[in-house]
Amino acid sequence: MGGEELCHQLKRRPPFAAVPVILLSAVREPAYTVRNWAAYFRKPAVIGRLLSMAEAFIAARGGYRRAFRASEYHGMSRRQGIDSRRWP
């Protein structure tokens, strides 16, 4: 299943219909389809912009305090994972 199909399936299910999806893909954003995602990034994405977008969606849901500072993005490499314990 591709990202486009995954987004379509999520939007069809009521518990997930309102969840904003950030799609990260190696191909250009399709112009011919219904846009079932909130944001689209093309690989290789700038990690700072990607995380800022995720933070914006989380903050829009309310009650979020920023877990990272902008200076922390510079030390991250493409292969380094994000510590999920630092996210709410």
N, C-alpha and C. Protein backbone atom coordinates (compact mmCIF):
# COMPACT_ATOMS: atom_id res chain seq x y z
N MET A 1 0.85 -1.17 0.00
CA MET A 1 0.00 0.00 0.00
C MET A 1 0.90 1.23 0.00
N GLY A 2 0.62 2.16 -0.89
CA GLY A 2 1.38 3.40 -0.96
C GLY A 2 0.83 4.44 0.01
N GLY A 3 1.55 5.54 0.13
CA GLY A 3 1.13 6.61 1.04
C GLY A 3 -0.20 7.23 0.67
N GLU A 4 -0.44 7.36 -0.62
CA GLU A 4 -1.70 7.92 -1.09
C GLU A 4 -2.89 7.04 -0.67
N GLU A 5 -2.73 5.73 -0.86
CA GLU A 5 -3.79 4.79 -0.48
C GLU A 5 -3.96 4.75 1.04
N LEU A 6 -2.86 4.82 1.78
CA LEU A 6 -2.94 4.85 3.24
C LEU A 6 -3.74 6.05 3.72
N CYS A 7 -3.46 7.21 3.18
CA CYS A 7 -4.20 8.43 3.55
C CYS A 7 -5.68 8.28 3.22
N HIS A 8 -5.97 7.71 2.07
CA HIS A 8 -7.37 7.49 1.67
C HIS A 8 -8.07 6.57 2.67
N GLN A 9 -7.42 5.49 3.06
CA GLN A 9 -8.01 4.55 4.01
C GLN A 9 -8.21 5.19 5.38
N LEU A 10 -7.25 5.99 5.83
CA LEU A 10 -7.38 6.67 7.12
C LEU A 10 -8.56 7.63 7.13
N LYS A 11 -8.72 8.40 6.07
CA LYS A 11 -9.80 9.39 6.02
C LYS A 11 -11.19 8.74 5.96
N ARG A 12 -11.25 7.48 5.54
CA ARG A 12 -12.53 6.77 5.48
C ARG A 12 -12.97 6.24 6.85
N ARG A 13 -12.06 6.19 7.80
CA ARG A 13 -12.37 5.66 9.13
C ARG A 13 -12.59 6.80 10.11
N PRO A 14 -13.75 6.88 10.72
CA PRO A 14 -14.08 8.01 11.61
C PRO A 14 -13.07 8.31 12.71
N PRO A 15 -12.48 7.31 13.38
CA PRO A 15 -11.52 7.68 14.44
C PRO A 15 -10.28 8.41 13.92
N PHE A 16 -9.95 8.22 12.64
CA PHE A 16 -8.73 8.81 12.08
C PHE A 16 -9.00 9.93 11.08
N ALA A 17 -10.25 10.21 10.79
CA ALA A 17 -10.59 11.17 9.74
C ALA A 17 -10.05 12.58 10.02
N ALA A 18 -9.97 12.96 11.28
CA ALA A 18 -9.53 14.32 11.63
C ALA A 18 -8.03 14.40 11.93
N VAL A 19 -7.32 13.29 11.86
CA VAL A 19 -5.88 13.28 12.15
C VAL A 19 -5.12 13.84 10.96
N PRO A 20 -4.34 14.90 11.16
CA PRO A 20 -3.56 15.44 10.05
C PRO A 20 -2.40 14.50 9.70
N VAL A 21 -2.23 14.22 8.42
CA VAL A 21 -1.18 13.32 7.96
C VAL A 21 -0.11 14.12 7.22
N ILE A 22 1.13 13.88 7.58
CA ILE A 22 2.27 14.47 6.88
C ILE A 22 2.85 13.36 6.01
N LEU A 23 2.80 13.55 4.72
CA LEU A 23 3.27 12.54 3.79
C LEU A 23 4.69 12.90 3.33
N LEU A 24 5.59 11.94 3.41
CA LEU A 24 6.98 12.10 2.99
C LEU A 24 7.23 11.10 1.87
N SER A 25 7.59 11.60 0.69
CA SER A 25 7.70 10.74 -0.48
C SER A 25 8.89 11.14 -1.35
N ALA A 26 9.35 10.20 -2.15
CA ALA A 26 10.44 10.47 -3.08
C ALA A 26 9.93 11.05 -4.40
N VAL A 27 8.63 10.97 -4.63
CA VAL A 27 8.05 11.47 -5.88
C VAL A 27 7.32 12.79 -5.64
N ARG A 28 7.06 13.50 -6.72
CA ARG A 28 6.34 14.77 -6.61
C ARG A 28 4.91 14.55 -6.12
N GLU A 29 4.37 15.60 -5.50
CA GLU A 29 2.99 15.52 -5.02
C GLU A 29 2.04 15.37 -6.20
N PRO A 30 1.18 14.35 -6.15
CA PRO A 30 0.25 14.15 -7.27
C PRO A 30 -0.76 15.29 -7.36
N ALA A 31 -0.96 15.79 -8.56
CA ALA A 31 -1.90 16.88 -8.77
C ALA A 31 -3.27 16.38 -9.21
N TYR A 32 -3.36 15.12 -9.56
CA TYR A 32 -4.56 14.56 -10.15
C TYR A 32 -5.50 13.89 -9.15
N THR A 33 -5.18 13.90 -7.89
CA THR A 33 -5.94 13.14 -6.91
C THR A 33 -6.48 14.04 -5.80
N VAL A 34 -7.41 13.50 -5.03
CA VAL A 34 -7.92 14.21 -3.86
C VAL A 34 -6.81 14.25 -2.83
N ARG A 35 -6.62 15.38 -2.24
CA ARG A 35 -5.52 15.55 -1.28
C ARG A 35 -6.01 15.13 0.11
N ASN A 36 -5.65 13.93 0.52
CA ASN A 36 -6.07 13.40 1.82
C ASN A 36 -5.01 13.58 2.90
N TRP A 37 -4.04 14.43 2.66
CA TRP A 37 -2.98 14.68 3.62
C TRP A 37 -2.93 16.17 3.93
N ALA A 38 -2.39 16.49 5.09
CA ALA A 38 -2.31 17.88 5.53
C ALA A 38 -1.05 18.57 5.01
N ALA A 39 0.03 17.82 4.85
CA ALA A 39 1.29 18.38 4.36
C ALA A 39 2.02 17.31 3.56
N TYR A 40 2.77 17.77 2.57
CA TYR A 40 3.51 16.85 1.68
C TYR A 40 4.94 17.32 1.59
N PHE A 41 5.88 16.45 1.92
CA PHE A 41 7.30 16.76 1.82
C PHE A 41 7.93 15.77 0.85
N ARG A 42 8.84 16.29 0.05
CA ARG A 42 9.56 15.44 -0.89
C ARG A 42 10.93 15.12 -0.33
N LYS A 43 11.34 13.87 -0.42
CA LYS A 43 12.65 13.45 0.07
C LYS A 43 13.75 14.01 -0.81
N PRO A 44 14.86 14.37 -0.27
CA PRO A 44 15.18 14.42 1.15
C PRO A 44 14.62 15.70 1.76
N ALA A 45 13.88 15.55 2.80
CA ALA A 45 13.24 16.70 3.46
C ALA A 45 14.20 17.31 4.48
N VAL A 46 14.06 18.59 4.69
CA VAL A 46 14.84 19.28 5.73
C VAL A 46 14.18 18.93 7.07
N ILE A 47 14.93 18.28 7.95
CA ILE A 47 14.37 17.78 9.20
C ILE A 47 13.75 18.90 10.05
N GLY A 48 14.36 20.06 10.04
CA GLY A 48 13.81 21.18 10.81
C GLY A 48 12.43 21.59 10.34
N ARG A 49 12.23 21.65 9.01
CA ARG A 49 10.92 22.02 8.46
C ARG A 49 9.88 20.93 8.74
N LEU A 50 10.30 19.67 8.62
CA LEU A 50 9.40 18.56 8.86
C LEU A 50 8.95 18.54 10.32
N LEU A 51 9.90 18.71 11.24
CA LEU A 51 9.55 18.73 12.66
C LEU A 51 8.72 19.96 13.02
N SER A 52 9.01 21.09 12.41
CA SER A 52 8.21 22.29 12.66
C SER A 52 6.76 22.09 12.23
N MET A 53 6.56 21.42 11.10
CA MET A 53 5.21 21.14 10.63
C MET A 53 4.50 20.20 11.60
N ALA A 54 5.20 19.16 12.05
CA ALA A 54 4.60 18.23 13.01
C ALA A 54 4.25 18.95 14.31
N GLU A 55 5.15 19.81 14.78
CA GLU A 55 4.88 20.58 15.99
C GLU A 55 3.67 21.49 15.82
N ALA A 56 3.52 22.09 14.66
CA ALA A 56 2.38 22.97 14.41
C ALA A 56 1.07 22.20 14.49
N PHE A 57 1.04 20.99 13.93
CA PHE A 57 -0.18 20.19 14.01
C PHE A 57 -0.47 19.75 15.44
N ILE A 58 0.59 19.39 16.17
CA ILE A 58 0.41 18.99 17.57
C ILE A 58 -0.05 20.17 18.40
N ALA A 59 0.55 21.35 18.19
CA ALA A 59 0.16 22.54 18.93
C ALA A 59 -1.28 22.95 18.64
N ALA A 60 -1.72 22.73 17.40
CA ALA A 60 -3.10 23.05 17.04
C ALA A 60 -4.10 22.20 17.82
N ARG A 61 -3.69 21.03 18.24
CA ARG A 61 -4.56 20.15 19.04
C ARG A 61 -4.60 20.59 20.49
N GLY A 62 -3.72 21.52 20.90
CA GLY A 62 -3.75 22.13 22.22
C GLY A 62 -2.89 21.44 23.26
N GLY A 63 -2.44 22.22 24.21
CA GLY A 63 -1.72 21.70 25.36
C GLY A 63 -0.33 21.17 25.09
N TYR A 64 0.32 21.62 24.05
CA TYR A 64 1.65 21.10 23.71
C TYR A 64 2.71 22.12 24.07
N ARG A 65 3.73 21.65 24.76
CA ARG A 65 4.90 22.48 25.02
C ARG A 65 6.02 21.99 24.14
N ARG A 66 6.71 22.88 23.52
CA ARG A 66 7.78 22.52 22.58
C ARG A 66 8.85 21.65 23.24
N ALA A 67 9.11 20.47 22.66
CA ALA A 67 10.07 19.53 23.23
C ALA A 67 11.50 19.82 22.80
N PHE A 68 11.66 20.40 21.62
CA PHE A 68 12.99 20.67 21.09
C PHE A 68 13.19 22.17 20.91
N ARG A 69 14.42 22.57 20.95
CA ARG A 69 14.79 23.93 20.58
C ARG A 69 15.34 23.88 19.16
N ALA A 70 15.30 24.98 18.46
CA ALA A 70 15.78 25.02 17.07
C ALA A 70 17.25 24.61 16.98
N SER A 71 18.04 24.93 17.99
CA SER A 71 19.46 24.60 17.95
C SER A 71 19.70 23.09 18.00
N GLU A 72 18.76 22.31 18.48
CA GLU A 72 18.94 20.86 18.58
C GLU A 72 18.83 20.18 17.21
N TYR A 73 18.22 20.82 16.25
CA TYR A 73 18.06 20.22 14.93
C TYR A 73 19.39 20.06 14.20
N HIS A 74 20.35 20.94 14.47
CA HIS A 74 21.59 20.95 13.72
C HIS A 74 22.44 19.70 13.95
N GLY A 75 22.34 19.08 15.12
CA GLY A 75 23.15 17.91 15.40
C GLY A 75 22.57 16.61 14.89
N MET A 76 21.38 16.63 14.31
CA MET A 76 20.74 15.41 13.87
C MET A 76 21.18 15.04 12.46
N SER A 77 21.52 13.79 12.27
CA SER A 77 21.86 13.34 10.93
C SER A 77 20.64 12.67 10.30
N ARG A 78 20.72 12.35 9.01
CA ARG A 78 19.61 11.71 8.32
C ARG A 78 19.29 10.34 8.91
N ARG A 79 20.29 9.65 9.42
CA ARG A 79 20.11 8.29 9.90
C ARG A 79 19.79 8.20 11.38
N GLN A 80 19.84 9.29 12.08
CA GLN A 80 19.60 9.29 13.51
C GLN A 80 18.11 9.35 13.77
N GLY A 81 17.62 8.47 14.62
CA GLY A 81 16.20 8.45 14.95
C GLY A 81 15.81 9.54 15.91
N ILE A 82 14.55 9.78 16.00
CA ILE A 82 14.01 10.76 16.95
C ILE A 82 13.60 10.01 18.20
N ASP A 83 14.04 10.47 19.35
CA ASP A 83 13.71 9.82 20.61
C ASP A 83 12.24 10.07 20.92
N SER A 84 11.42 9.03 20.83
CA SER A 84 9.98 9.19 21.02
C SER A 84 9.61 9.53 22.46
N ARG A 85 10.52 9.32 23.40
CA ARG A 85 10.22 9.66 24.79
C ARG A 85 10.19 11.15 25.03
N ARG A 86 10.74 11.93 24.09
CA ARG A 86 10.76 13.39 24.23
C ARG A 86 9.52 14.03 23.64
N TRP A 87 8.67 13.25 23.01
CA TRP A 87 7.43 13.76 22.42
C TRP A 87 6.27 13.36 23.28
N PRO A 88 5.23 14.20 23.37
CA PRO A 88 4.06 13.85 24.21
C PRO A 88 3.31 12.67 23.64
